[in-house]
Amino acid sequence: YGGTFYAVPAGRRDGKISRSSDTIDLPPPTFNLKQLTQSFASKGMSQDDMITLSGAHTIGVAHCPTFSNRLYNFSRKASTDPTLNPKYAYQLKKECPPGSNNEVDMDPPRPLTFDTSYYSNLLDNRGLFTSDQTLMSTPATAGKVRQFAGSSVLFKQKFAAAMVKMGKIGVLTGEQGEIRSYCRVVN
């Protein structure tokens, strides 16, 4: 996808099973900036790490129910989230009629390219999730978004460092898990 390569520390213990329930504490797409910052801080990650790792949304798809709250009956004052680009909201409504579970690209211009278009979209109020567009809600976070939108090299360097840092969360020790001699196979 054109992403960056980085060294992943080796020799750490892996779990022997993987369960979807292990993702229960991931921040939902409805979080605002304060909630996101607190969620990442609870794992030892900074707001800068959070903004950087959010750039992973340049790849992938989302199901309509994860963001349709921004399109329909948003509030008493606005049926659509006013922070959402009106043309983009119109496009999303066509792809996601009420009650649908359709998939849409998280980064419509280049959904299969790891690049900085995610950040460029945020500058144009085209963040799919509340948790994306909220990165533009303060001057400091919007400044970081502008930095990444303007520099693929900087984004990819920071992304690699944040991924390595995130990989240190919840490291297994002692008799927990196993050190795999071949990563794709349980010993």
N, C-alpha and C. Protein backbone atom coordinates (compact mmCIF):
# COMPACT_ATOMS: atom_id res chain seq x y z
N TYR A 1 0.81 -1.22 0.00
CA TYR A 1 0.00 0.00 0.00
C TYR A 1 0.84 1.27 0.00
N GLY A 2 2.15 1.12 -0.06
CA GLY A 2 3.01 2.29 -0.09
C GLY A 2 3.38 2.81 1.28
N GLY A 3 3.16 2.02 2.30
CA GLY A 3 3.50 2.43 3.66
C GLY A 3 4.99 2.43 3.89
N THR A 4 5.35 2.62 5.10
CA THR A 4 6.76 2.69 5.47
C THR A 4 7.19 1.39 6.15
N PHE A 5 8.45 1.06 6.01
CA PHE A 5 8.99 -0.11 6.68
C PHE A 5 9.71 0.36 7.95
N TYR A 6 9.63 -0.44 8.99
CA TYR A 6 10.31 -0.10 10.23
C TYR A 6 10.64 -1.39 10.97
N ALA A 7 11.67 -1.32 11.78
CA ALA A 7 12.11 -2.49 12.54
C ALA A 7 11.15 -2.74 13.71
N VAL A 8 10.68 -3.95 13.81
CA VAL A 8 9.81 -4.35 14.92
C VAL A 8 10.67 -5.12 15.91
N PRO A 9 10.70 -4.69 17.17
CA PRO A 9 11.51 -5.42 18.15
C PRO A 9 11.12 -6.90 18.21
N ALA A 10 12.10 -7.75 18.23
CA ALA A 10 11.86 -9.20 18.23
C ALA A 10 12.09 -9.78 19.63
N GLY A 11 11.70 -11.04 19.80
CA GLY A 11 11.97 -11.74 21.04
C GLY A 11 10.95 -11.54 22.13
N ARG A 12 9.84 -10.89 21.85
CA ARG A 12 8.83 -10.72 22.88
C ARG A 12 7.79 -11.82 22.79
N ARG A 13 7.07 -11.98 23.86
CA ARG A 13 6.09 -13.06 23.93
C ARG A 13 4.81 -12.67 23.21
N ASP A 14 4.25 -13.63 22.49
CA ASP A 14 2.98 -13.49 21.79
C ASP A 14 1.92 -14.29 22.52
N GLY A 15 0.69 -13.81 22.45
CA GLY A 15 -0.41 -14.60 22.96
C GLY A 15 -0.63 -15.82 22.08
N LYS A 16 -1.28 -16.82 22.63
CA LYS A 16 -1.51 -18.07 21.88
C LYS A 16 -2.85 -18.06 21.15
N ILE A 17 -3.74 -17.12 21.52
CA ILE A 17 -5.03 -17.01 20.85
C ILE A 17 -5.34 -15.54 20.59
N SER A 18 -6.25 -15.30 19.69
CA SER A 18 -6.69 -13.95 19.38
C SER A 18 -8.21 -13.92 19.43
N ARG A 19 -8.74 -12.96 20.18
CA ARG A 19 -10.19 -12.85 20.35
C ARG A 19 -10.66 -11.44 20.01
N SER A 20 -11.80 -11.33 19.35
CA SER A 20 -12.33 -10.00 19.03
C SER A 20 -12.64 -9.22 20.31
N SER A 21 -12.96 -9.92 21.39
CA SER A 21 -13.27 -9.24 22.65
C SER A 21 -12.05 -8.50 23.21
N ASP A 22 -10.86 -8.84 22.73
CA ASP A 22 -9.65 -8.14 23.19
C ASP A 22 -9.59 -6.71 22.67
N THR A 23 -10.47 -6.35 21.73
CA THR A 23 -10.48 -5.00 21.17
C THR A 23 -11.49 -4.10 21.87
N ILE A 24 -12.09 -4.58 22.94
CA ILE A 24 -13.18 -3.86 23.61
C ILE A 24 -12.75 -2.47 24.10
N ASP A 25 -11.47 -2.27 24.40
CA ASP A 25 -11.06 -0.96 24.92
C ASP A 25 -10.47 -0.04 23.85
N LEU A 26 -10.67 -0.39 22.57
CA LEU A 26 -10.27 0.53 21.51
C LEU A 26 -11.25 1.70 21.49
N PRO A 27 -10.76 2.91 21.24
CA PRO A 27 -11.68 4.05 21.24
C PRO A 27 -12.69 3.96 20.09
N PRO A 28 -13.95 4.22 20.37
CA PRO A 28 -14.97 4.15 19.32
C PRO A 28 -14.90 5.36 18.38
N PRO A 29 -15.52 5.26 17.21
CA PRO A 29 -15.47 6.36 16.24
C PRO A 29 -16.25 7.59 16.66
N THR A 30 -16.96 7.53 17.76
CA THR A 30 -17.76 8.66 18.25
C THR A 30 -17.00 9.53 19.25
N PHE A 31 -15.80 9.13 19.62
CA PHE A 31 -15.05 9.88 20.65
C PHE A 31 -14.66 11.27 20.15
N ASN A 32 -14.68 12.22 21.10
CA ASN A 32 -14.18 13.57 20.81
C ASN A 32 -12.70 13.64 21.20
N LEU A 33 -12.09 14.79 21.01
CA LEU A 33 -10.66 14.93 21.23
C LEU A 33 -10.25 14.61 22.67
N LYS A 34 -11.01 15.12 23.62
CA LYS A 34 -10.68 14.87 25.03
C LYS A 34 -10.75 13.37 25.34
N GLN A 35 -11.79 12.71 24.88
CA GLN A 35 -11.94 11.27 25.13
C GLN A 35 -10.83 10.47 24.46
N LEU A 36 -10.49 10.84 23.23
CA LEU A 36 -9.40 10.15 22.52
C LEU A 36 -8.08 10.32 23.25
N THR A 37 -7.80 11.56 23.63
CA THR A 37 -6.54 11.85 24.31
C THR A 37 -6.44 11.05 25.61
N GLN A 38 -7.53 11.00 26.38
CA GLN A 38 -7.54 10.23 27.62
C GLN A 38 -7.37 8.74 27.36
N SER A 39 -8.03 8.23 26.33
CA SER A 39 -7.94 6.82 26.00
C SER A 39 -6.51 6.43 25.65
N PHE A 40 -5.86 7.24 24.83
CA PHE A 40 -4.47 6.95 24.46
C PHE A 40 -3.54 7.13 25.66
N ALA A 41 -3.79 8.15 26.48
CA ALA A 41 -2.96 8.39 27.66
C ALA A 41 -3.04 7.21 28.62
N SER A 42 -4.20 6.58 28.72
CA SER A 42 -4.35 5.44 29.62
C SER A 42 -3.46 4.26 29.21
N LYS A 43 -2.98 4.28 27.97
CA LYS A 43 -2.09 3.24 27.46
C LYS A 43 -0.64 3.73 27.35
N GLY A 44 -0.38 4.93 27.88
CA GLY A 44 0.97 5.48 27.83
C GLY A 44 1.32 6.15 26.51
N MET A 45 0.30 6.48 25.74
CA MET A 45 0.52 7.12 24.44
C MET A 45 0.14 8.60 24.55
N SER A 46 0.85 9.43 23.80
CA SER A 46 0.62 10.87 23.83
C SER A 46 -0.45 11.28 22.81
N GLN A 47 -0.89 12.53 22.91
CA GLN A 47 -1.82 13.06 21.93
C GLN A 47 -1.16 13.08 20.55
N ASP A 48 0.11 13.37 20.49
CA ASP A 48 0.84 13.34 19.23
C ASP A 48 0.82 11.93 18.63
N ASP A 49 1.03 10.90 19.46
CA ASP A 49 0.94 9.51 19.00
C ASP A 49 -0.45 9.23 18.44
N MET A 50 -1.47 9.72 19.13
CA MET A 50 -2.85 9.49 18.72
C MET A 50 -3.14 10.11 17.35
N ILE A 51 -2.70 11.33 17.16
CA ILE A 51 -2.91 12.00 15.88
C ILE A 51 -2.16 11.26 14.77
N THR A 52 -0.96 10.83 15.08
CA THR A 52 -0.15 10.09 14.11
C THR A 52 -0.80 8.76 13.75
N LEU A 53 -1.18 7.99 14.74
CA LEU A 53 -1.76 6.66 14.49
C LEU A 53 -3.13 6.75 13.83
N SER A 54 -3.84 7.85 14.02
CA SER A 54 -5.12 8.04 13.34
C SER A 54 -4.93 8.04 11.83
N GLY A 55 -3.75 8.37 11.38
CA GLY A 55 -3.45 8.35 9.95
C GLY A 55 -3.58 6.98 9.33
N ALA A 56 -3.67 5.94 10.13
CA ALA A 56 -3.91 4.59 9.60
C ALA A 56 -5.27 4.53 8.90
N HIS A 57 -6.14 5.49 9.18
CA HIS A 57 -7.45 5.53 8.52
C HIS A 57 -7.33 5.91 7.05
N THR A 58 -6.14 6.08 6.55
CA THR A 58 -5.95 6.29 5.12
C THR A 58 -6.17 4.99 4.35
N ILE A 59 -6.21 3.87 5.05
CA ILE A 59 -6.45 2.56 4.45
C ILE A 59 -7.69 1.95 5.09
N GLY A 60 -8.55 1.37 4.30
CA GLY A 60 -9.64 0.58 4.85
C GLY A 60 -11.03 1.10 4.54
N VAL A 61 -12.00 0.37 5.07
CA VAL A 61 -13.41 0.69 4.88
C VAL A 61 -14.11 0.77 6.23
N ALA A 62 -15.27 1.38 6.21
CA ALA A 62 -16.10 1.47 7.42
C ALA A 62 -17.54 1.14 7.03
N HIS A 63 -18.25 0.54 7.96
CA HIS A 63 -19.67 0.26 7.75
C HIS A 63 -20.47 1.50 8.14
N CYS A 64 -21.51 1.76 7.41
CA CYS A 64 -22.32 2.97 7.60
C CYS A 64 -22.75 3.22 9.05
N PRO A 65 -23.16 2.19 9.81
CA PRO A 65 -23.60 2.47 11.19
C PRO A 65 -22.52 3.10 12.08
N THR A 66 -21.24 2.98 11.71
CA THR A 66 -20.18 3.54 12.55
C THR A 66 -20.08 5.06 12.45
N PHE A 67 -20.73 5.66 11.46
CA PHE A 67 -20.68 7.11 11.31
C PHE A 67 -22.01 7.73 10.92
N SER A 68 -23.06 6.95 10.74
CA SER A 68 -24.35 7.49 10.27
C SER A 68 -24.95 8.49 11.25
N ASN A 69 -24.53 8.46 12.50
CA ASN A 69 -25.00 9.46 13.47
C ASN A 69 -24.62 10.87 13.03
N ARG A 70 -23.62 11.00 12.19
CA ARG A 70 -23.20 12.31 11.68
C ARG A 70 -24.06 12.75 10.49
N LEU A 71 -24.80 11.82 9.89
CA LEU A 71 -25.55 12.10 8.67
C LEU A 71 -27.03 12.37 8.91
N TYR A 72 -27.60 11.72 9.92
CA TYR A 72 -29.05 11.77 10.14
C TYR A 72 -29.35 12.09 11.60
N ASN A 73 -30.24 13.03 11.82
CA ASN A 73 -30.69 13.39 13.17
C ASN A 73 -29.53 13.67 14.11
N PHE A 74 -28.58 14.46 13.64
CA PHE A 74 -27.37 14.73 14.43
C PHE A 74 -27.69 15.44 15.74
N SER A 75 -28.50 16.48 15.68
CA SER A 75 -28.86 17.22 16.90
C SER A 75 -30.18 17.94 16.67
N ARG A 76 -30.65 18.62 17.69
CA ARG A 76 -31.89 19.40 17.55
C ARG A 76 -31.70 20.56 16.57
N LYS A 77 -30.47 21.06 16.49
CA LYS A 77 -30.20 22.22 15.64
C LYS A 77 -29.80 21.85 14.22
N ALA A 78 -29.27 20.64 14.03
CA ALA A 78 -28.77 20.26 12.71
C ALA A 78 -29.01 18.77 12.45
N SER A 79 -29.59 18.47 11.30
CA SER A 79 -29.80 17.06 10.98
C SER A 79 -28.49 16.38 10.63
N THR A 80 -27.55 17.14 10.06
CA THR A 80 -26.24 16.61 9.69
C THR A 80 -25.17 17.33 10.51
N ASP A 81 -24.14 16.62 10.90
CA ASP A 81 -23.03 17.20 11.66
C ASP A 81 -22.48 18.41 10.90
N PRO A 82 -22.54 19.60 11.51
CA PRO A 82 -22.07 20.81 10.82
C PRO A 82 -20.56 20.84 10.58
N THR A 83 -19.81 19.97 11.23
CA THR A 83 -18.37 19.93 10.96
C THR A 83 -18.04 19.07 9.74
N LEU A 84 -19.05 18.48 9.13
CA LEU A 84 -18.87 17.62 7.97
C LEU A 84 -19.08 18.43 6.69
N ASN A 85 -18.12 18.37 5.77
CA ASN A 85 -18.22 19.04 4.48
C ASN A 85 -19.56 18.67 3.83
N PRO A 86 -20.39 19.66 3.45
CA PRO A 86 -21.73 19.36 2.91
C PRO A 86 -21.71 18.46 1.66
N LYS A 87 -20.77 18.66 0.77
CA LYS A 87 -20.70 17.81 -0.43
C LYS A 87 -20.34 16.38 -0.05
N TYR A 88 -19.45 16.24 0.91
CA TYR A 88 -19.07 14.91 1.38
C TYR A 88 -20.24 14.25 2.09
N ALA A 89 -20.97 15.02 2.90
CA ALA A 89 -22.15 14.48 3.59
C ALA A 89 -23.18 14.00 2.57
N TYR A 90 -23.38 14.76 1.51
CA TYR A 90 -24.32 14.36 0.46
C TYR A 90 -23.89 13.04 -0.18
N GLN A 91 -22.60 12.92 -0.49
CA GLN A 91 -22.06 11.70 -1.08
C GLN A 91 -22.26 10.51 -0.13
N LEU A 92 -21.96 10.72 1.15
CA LEU A 92 -22.11 9.65 2.14
C LEU A 92 -23.56 9.22 2.29
N LYS A 93 -24.49 10.19 2.24
CA LYS A 93 -25.91 9.85 2.35
C LYS A 93 -26.36 8.99 1.17
N LYS A 94 -25.80 9.23 -0.01
CA LYS A 94 -26.13 8.39 -1.17
C LYS A 94 -25.61 6.97 -0.97
N GLU A 95 -24.43 6.85 -0.38
CA GLU A 95 -23.82 5.53 -0.16
C GLU A 95 -24.39 4.82 1.07
N CYS A 96 -24.94 5.60 1.98
CA CYS A 96 -25.43 5.06 3.25
C CYS A 96 -26.84 5.55 3.55
N PRO A 97 -27.83 5.05 2.84
CA PRO A 97 -29.19 5.45 3.20
C PRO A 97 -29.51 4.98 4.63
N PRO A 98 -30.48 5.61 5.29
CA PRO A 98 -30.80 5.22 6.67
C PRO A 98 -31.00 3.71 6.82
N GLY A 99 -30.36 3.16 7.84
CA GLY A 99 -30.50 1.75 8.15
C GLY A 99 -29.59 0.81 7.37
N SER A 100 -28.80 1.34 6.45
CA SER A 100 -27.95 0.45 5.65
C SER A 100 -26.69 0.06 6.41
N ASN A 101 -26.10 -1.05 6.00
CA ASN A 101 -24.84 -1.52 6.57
C ASN A 101 -23.77 -1.57 5.47
N ASN A 102 -23.93 -0.71 4.48
CA ASN A 102 -22.96 -0.67 3.37
C ASN A 102 -21.58 -0.31 3.89
N GLU A 103 -20.58 -0.57 3.05
CA GLU A 103 -19.21 -0.18 3.34
C GLU A 103 -18.83 1.02 2.49
N VAL A 104 -18.07 1.93 3.08
CA VAL A 104 -17.50 3.05 2.32
C VAL A 104 -16.01 3.12 2.64
N ASP A 105 -15.27 3.67 1.71
CA ASP A 105 -13.83 3.86 1.93
C ASP A 105 -13.61 4.92 3.01
N MET A 106 -12.67 4.67 3.90
CA MET A 106 -12.37 5.66 4.94
C MET A 106 -11.62 6.86 4.36
N ASP A 107 -10.91 6.66 3.27
CA ASP A 107 -10.14 7.72 2.63
C ASP A 107 -10.44 7.66 1.13
N PRO A 108 -11.59 8.24 0.72
CA PRO A 108 -12.09 8.02 -0.63
C PRO A 108 -11.15 8.31 -1.80
N PRO A 109 -10.30 9.31 -1.76
CA PRO A 109 -9.50 9.54 -2.96
C PRO A 109 -8.57 8.38 -3.30
N ARG A 110 -7.93 7.83 -2.29
CA ARG A 110 -6.96 6.75 -2.52
C ARG A 110 -7.05 5.74 -1.37
N PRO A 111 -8.10 4.92 -1.34
CA PRO A 111 -8.34 4.04 -0.20
C PRO A 111 -7.33 2.90 -0.05
N LEU A 112 -6.54 2.66 -1.06
CA LEU A 112 -5.56 1.56 -0.98
C LEU A 112 -4.13 2.08 -1.04
N THR A 113 -3.94 3.34 -0.66
CA THR A 113 -2.61 3.93 -0.65
C THR A 113 -2.33 4.52 0.72
N PHE A 114 -1.22 4.11 1.32
CA PHE A 114 -0.82 4.64 2.62
C PHE A 114 -0.12 5.98 2.36
N ASP A 115 -0.87 7.05 2.55
CA ASP A 115 -0.35 8.38 2.26
C ASP A 115 -0.94 9.40 3.23
N THR A 116 -0.79 10.66 2.93
CA THR A 116 -1.26 11.71 3.84
C THR A 116 -2.61 12.29 3.42
N SER A 117 -3.30 11.65 2.48
CA SER A 117 -4.59 12.19 2.05
C SER A 117 -5.62 12.19 3.19
N TYR A 118 -5.46 11.29 4.15
CA TYR A 118 -6.34 11.31 5.33
C TYR A 118 -6.29 12.69 5.98
N TYR A 119 -5.10 13.22 6.17
CA TYR A 119 -4.94 14.52 6.82
C TYR A 119 -5.44 15.65 5.92
N SER A 120 -5.21 15.54 4.62
CA SER A 120 -5.74 16.54 3.69
C SER A 120 -7.26 16.56 3.74
N ASN A 121 -7.87 15.38 3.85
CA ASN A 121 -9.32 15.31 3.98
C ASN A 121 -9.81 16.03 5.23
N LEU A 122 -9.09 15.87 6.33
CA LEU A 122 -9.49 16.54 7.57
C LEU A 122 -9.48 18.05 7.40
N LEU A 123 -8.50 18.55 6.66
CA LEU A 123 -8.42 20.01 6.42
C LEU A 123 -9.63 20.51 5.64
N ASP A 124 -10.26 19.61 4.88
CA ASP A 124 -11.44 19.96 4.09
C ASP A 124 -12.73 19.47 4.75
N ASN A 125 -12.68 19.15 6.05
CA ASN A 125 -13.84 18.66 6.81
C ASN A 125 -14.43 17.40 6.21
N ARG A 126 -13.54 16.50 5.77
CA ARG A 126 -13.96 15.24 5.18
C ARG A 126 -13.47 14.06 6.02
N GLY A 127 -13.46 14.24 7.34
CA GLY A 127 -13.14 13.14 8.24
C GLY A 127 -14.38 12.27 8.39
N LEU A 128 -14.25 10.98 8.15
CA LEU A 128 -15.42 10.10 8.17
C LEU A 128 -16.03 9.97 9.56
N PHE A 129 -15.21 9.74 10.55
CA PHE A 129 -15.68 9.55 11.92
C PHE A 129 -15.58 10.84 12.72
N THR A 130 -16.39 10.95 13.75
CA THR A 130 -16.24 12.05 14.70
C THR A 130 -14.81 12.05 15.24
N SER A 131 -14.30 10.85 15.54
CA SER A 131 -12.95 10.72 16.10
C SER A 131 -11.86 11.15 15.11
N ASP A 132 -12.19 11.24 13.82
CA ASP A 132 -11.25 11.78 12.84
C ASP A 132 -11.34 13.30 12.82
N GLN A 133 -12.53 13.82 12.56
CA GLN A 133 -12.69 15.27 12.38
C GLN A 133 -12.36 16.05 13.64
N THR A 134 -12.48 15.41 14.80
CA THR A 134 -12.19 16.10 16.06
C THR A 134 -10.72 16.50 16.16
N LEU A 135 -9.86 15.91 15.33
CA LEU A 135 -8.44 16.29 15.34
C LEU A 135 -8.25 17.73 14.87
N MET A 136 -9.28 18.31 14.29
CA MET A 136 -9.21 19.71 13.84
C MET A 136 -9.80 20.67 14.87
N SER A 137 -10.15 20.19 16.05
CA SER A 137 -10.92 21.01 17.00
C SER A 137 -10.09 21.95 17.87
N THR A 138 -8.78 21.84 17.86
CA THR A 138 -7.95 22.81 18.59
C THR A 138 -6.82 23.28 17.67
N PRO A 139 -6.29 24.46 17.93
CA PRO A 139 -5.18 24.94 17.10
C PRO A 139 -3.97 24.00 17.12
N ALA A 140 -3.67 23.42 18.26
CA ALA A 140 -2.50 22.54 18.36
C ALA A 140 -2.68 21.26 17.54
N THR A 141 -3.85 20.63 17.67
CA THR A 141 -4.05 19.39 16.93
C THR A 141 -4.23 19.67 15.43
N ALA A 142 -4.89 20.75 15.10
CA ALA A 142 -5.04 21.12 13.69
C ALA A 142 -3.67 21.42 13.08
N GLY A 143 -2.77 22.00 13.86
CA GLY A 143 -1.41 22.26 13.38
C GLY A 143 -0.67 20.98 13.04
N LYS A 144 -0.86 19.96 13.88
CA LYS A 144 -0.22 18.67 13.61
C LYS A 144 -0.81 18.04 12.34
N VAL A 145 -2.13 18.17 12.17
CA VAL A 145 -2.77 17.66 10.96
C VAL A 145 -2.19 18.35 9.73
N ARG A 146 -2.02 19.68 9.81
CA ARG A 146 -1.44 20.43 8.68
C ARG A 146 -0.01 19.96 8.39
N GLN A 147 0.76 19.73 9.44
CA GLN A 147 2.13 19.23 9.26
C GLN A 147 2.14 17.93 8.48
N PHE A 148 1.31 16.99 8.90
CA PHE A 148 1.28 15.68 8.24
C PHE A 148 0.72 15.78 6.82
N ALA A 149 -0.28 16.64 6.61
CA ALA A 149 -0.84 16.81 5.27
C ALA A 149 0.23 17.30 4.30
N GLY A 150 1.17 18.08 4.82
CA GLY A 150 2.21 18.67 3.98
C GLY A 150 3.50 17.89 3.87
N SER A 151 3.65 16.82 4.65
CA SER A 151 4.92 16.09 4.63
C SER A 151 4.73 14.59 4.82
N SER A 152 4.76 13.88 3.72
CA SER A 152 4.66 12.42 3.77
C SER A 152 5.83 11.81 4.53
N VAL A 153 7.01 12.38 4.35
CA VAL A 153 8.20 11.85 5.03
C VAL A 153 8.04 11.96 6.54
N LEU A 154 7.64 13.14 7.02
CA LEU A 154 7.44 13.33 8.46
C LEU A 154 6.38 12.37 8.99
N PHE A 155 5.25 12.28 8.29
CA PHE A 155 4.18 11.39 8.74
C PHE A 155 4.67 9.95 8.85
N LYS A 156 5.33 9.45 7.84
CA LYS A 156 5.76 8.06 7.85
C LYS A 156 6.81 7.79 8.92
N GLN A 157 7.69 8.75 9.17
CA GLN A 157 8.69 8.58 10.25
C GLN A 157 7.99 8.52 11.60
N LYS A 158 7.08 9.46 11.84
CA LYS A 158 6.37 9.50 13.12
C LYS A 158 5.46 8.28 13.28
N PHE A 159 4.85 7.83 12.18
CA PHE A 159 3.98 6.67 12.24
C PHE A 159 4.76 5.42 12.65
N ALA A 160 5.91 5.23 12.05
CA ALA A 160 6.74 4.07 12.39
C ALA A 160 7.11 4.09 13.88
N ALA A 161 7.53 5.25 14.39
CA ALA A 161 7.90 5.36 15.80
C ALA A 161 6.70 5.10 16.71
N ALA A 162 5.53 5.61 16.34
CA ALA A 162 4.33 5.41 17.16
C ALA A 162 3.88 3.95 17.14
N MET A 163 4.05 3.28 16.01
CA MET A 163 3.69 1.86 15.93
C MET A 163 4.59 1.02 16.85
N VAL A 164 5.87 1.33 16.85
CA VAL A 164 6.80 0.60 17.73
C VAL A 164 6.43 0.87 19.19
N LYS A 165 6.13 2.12 19.50
CA LYS A 165 5.73 2.47 20.87
C LYS A 165 4.44 1.74 21.26
N MET A 166 3.48 1.70 20.35
CA MET A 166 2.22 1.02 20.62
C MET A 166 2.45 -0.48 20.82
N GLY A 167 3.42 -1.03 20.12
CA GLY A 167 3.74 -2.45 20.27
C GLY A 167 4.25 -2.82 21.64
N LYS A 168 4.59 -1.83 22.45
CA LYS A 168 5.08 -2.09 23.80
C LYS A 168 3.97 -2.10 24.85
N ILE A 169 2.73 -1.88 24.38
CA ILE A 169 1.59 -1.89 25.30
C ILE A 169 1.23 -3.34 25.64
N GLY A 170 1.10 -3.63 26.92
CA GLY A 170 0.62 -4.94 27.36
C GLY A 170 1.52 -6.10 27.00
N VAL A 171 2.81 -5.89 27.05
CA VAL A 171 3.75 -6.96 26.72
C VAL A 171 3.60 -8.11 27.72
N LEU A 172 3.53 -9.31 27.18
CA LEU A 172 3.41 -10.50 28.03
C LEU A 172 4.77 -10.84 28.64
N THR A 173 4.75 -11.33 29.86
CA THR A 173 5.99 -11.68 30.56
C THR A 173 5.84 -13.03 31.25
N GLY A 174 6.94 -13.51 31.80
CA GLY A 174 6.91 -14.76 32.57
C GLY A 174 6.49 -15.93 31.71
N GLU A 175 5.48 -16.66 32.18
CA GLU A 175 4.99 -17.85 31.47
C GLU A 175 3.84 -17.53 30.52
N GLN A 176 3.45 -16.26 30.45
CA GLN A 176 2.36 -15.88 29.56
C GLN A 176 2.82 -15.97 28.11
N GLY A 177 1.97 -16.48 27.24
CA GLY A 177 2.27 -16.51 25.81
C GLY A 177 3.48 -17.34 25.48
N GLU A 178 4.08 -17.04 24.33
CA GLU A 178 5.25 -17.78 23.87
C GLU A 178 6.07 -16.90 22.94
N ILE A 179 7.35 -17.23 22.83
CA ILE A 179 8.20 -16.58 21.85
C ILE A 179 8.19 -17.50 20.63
N ARG A 180 7.70 -16.98 19.53
CA ARG A 180 7.55 -17.81 18.34
C ARG A 180 8.84 -17.82 17.52
N SER A 181 9.20 -19.00 17.07
CA SER A 181 10.37 -19.11 16.20
C SER A 181 10.00 -18.73 14.78
N TYR A 182 8.73 -18.86 14.42
CA TYR A 182 8.24 -18.44 13.13
C TYR A 182 6.93 -17.71 13.39
N CYS A 183 6.88 -16.41 13.09
CA CYS A 183 5.78 -15.55 13.51
C CYS A 183 4.39 -16.02 13.13
N ARG A 184 4.24 -16.70 12.03
CA ARG A 184 2.91 -17.07 11.55
C ARG A 184 2.42 -18.39 12.10
N VAL A 185 3.21 -19.05 12.93
CA VAL A 185 2.85 -20.38 13.42
C VAL A 185 2.94 -20.41 14.93
N VAL A 186 1.90 -20.93 15.58
CA VAL A 186 1.97 -21.16 17.03
C VAL A 186 2.90 -22.34 17.24
N ASN A 187 3.87 -22.19 18.16
CA ASN A 187 4.86 -23.27 18.40
C ASN A 187 4.20 -24.57 18.78
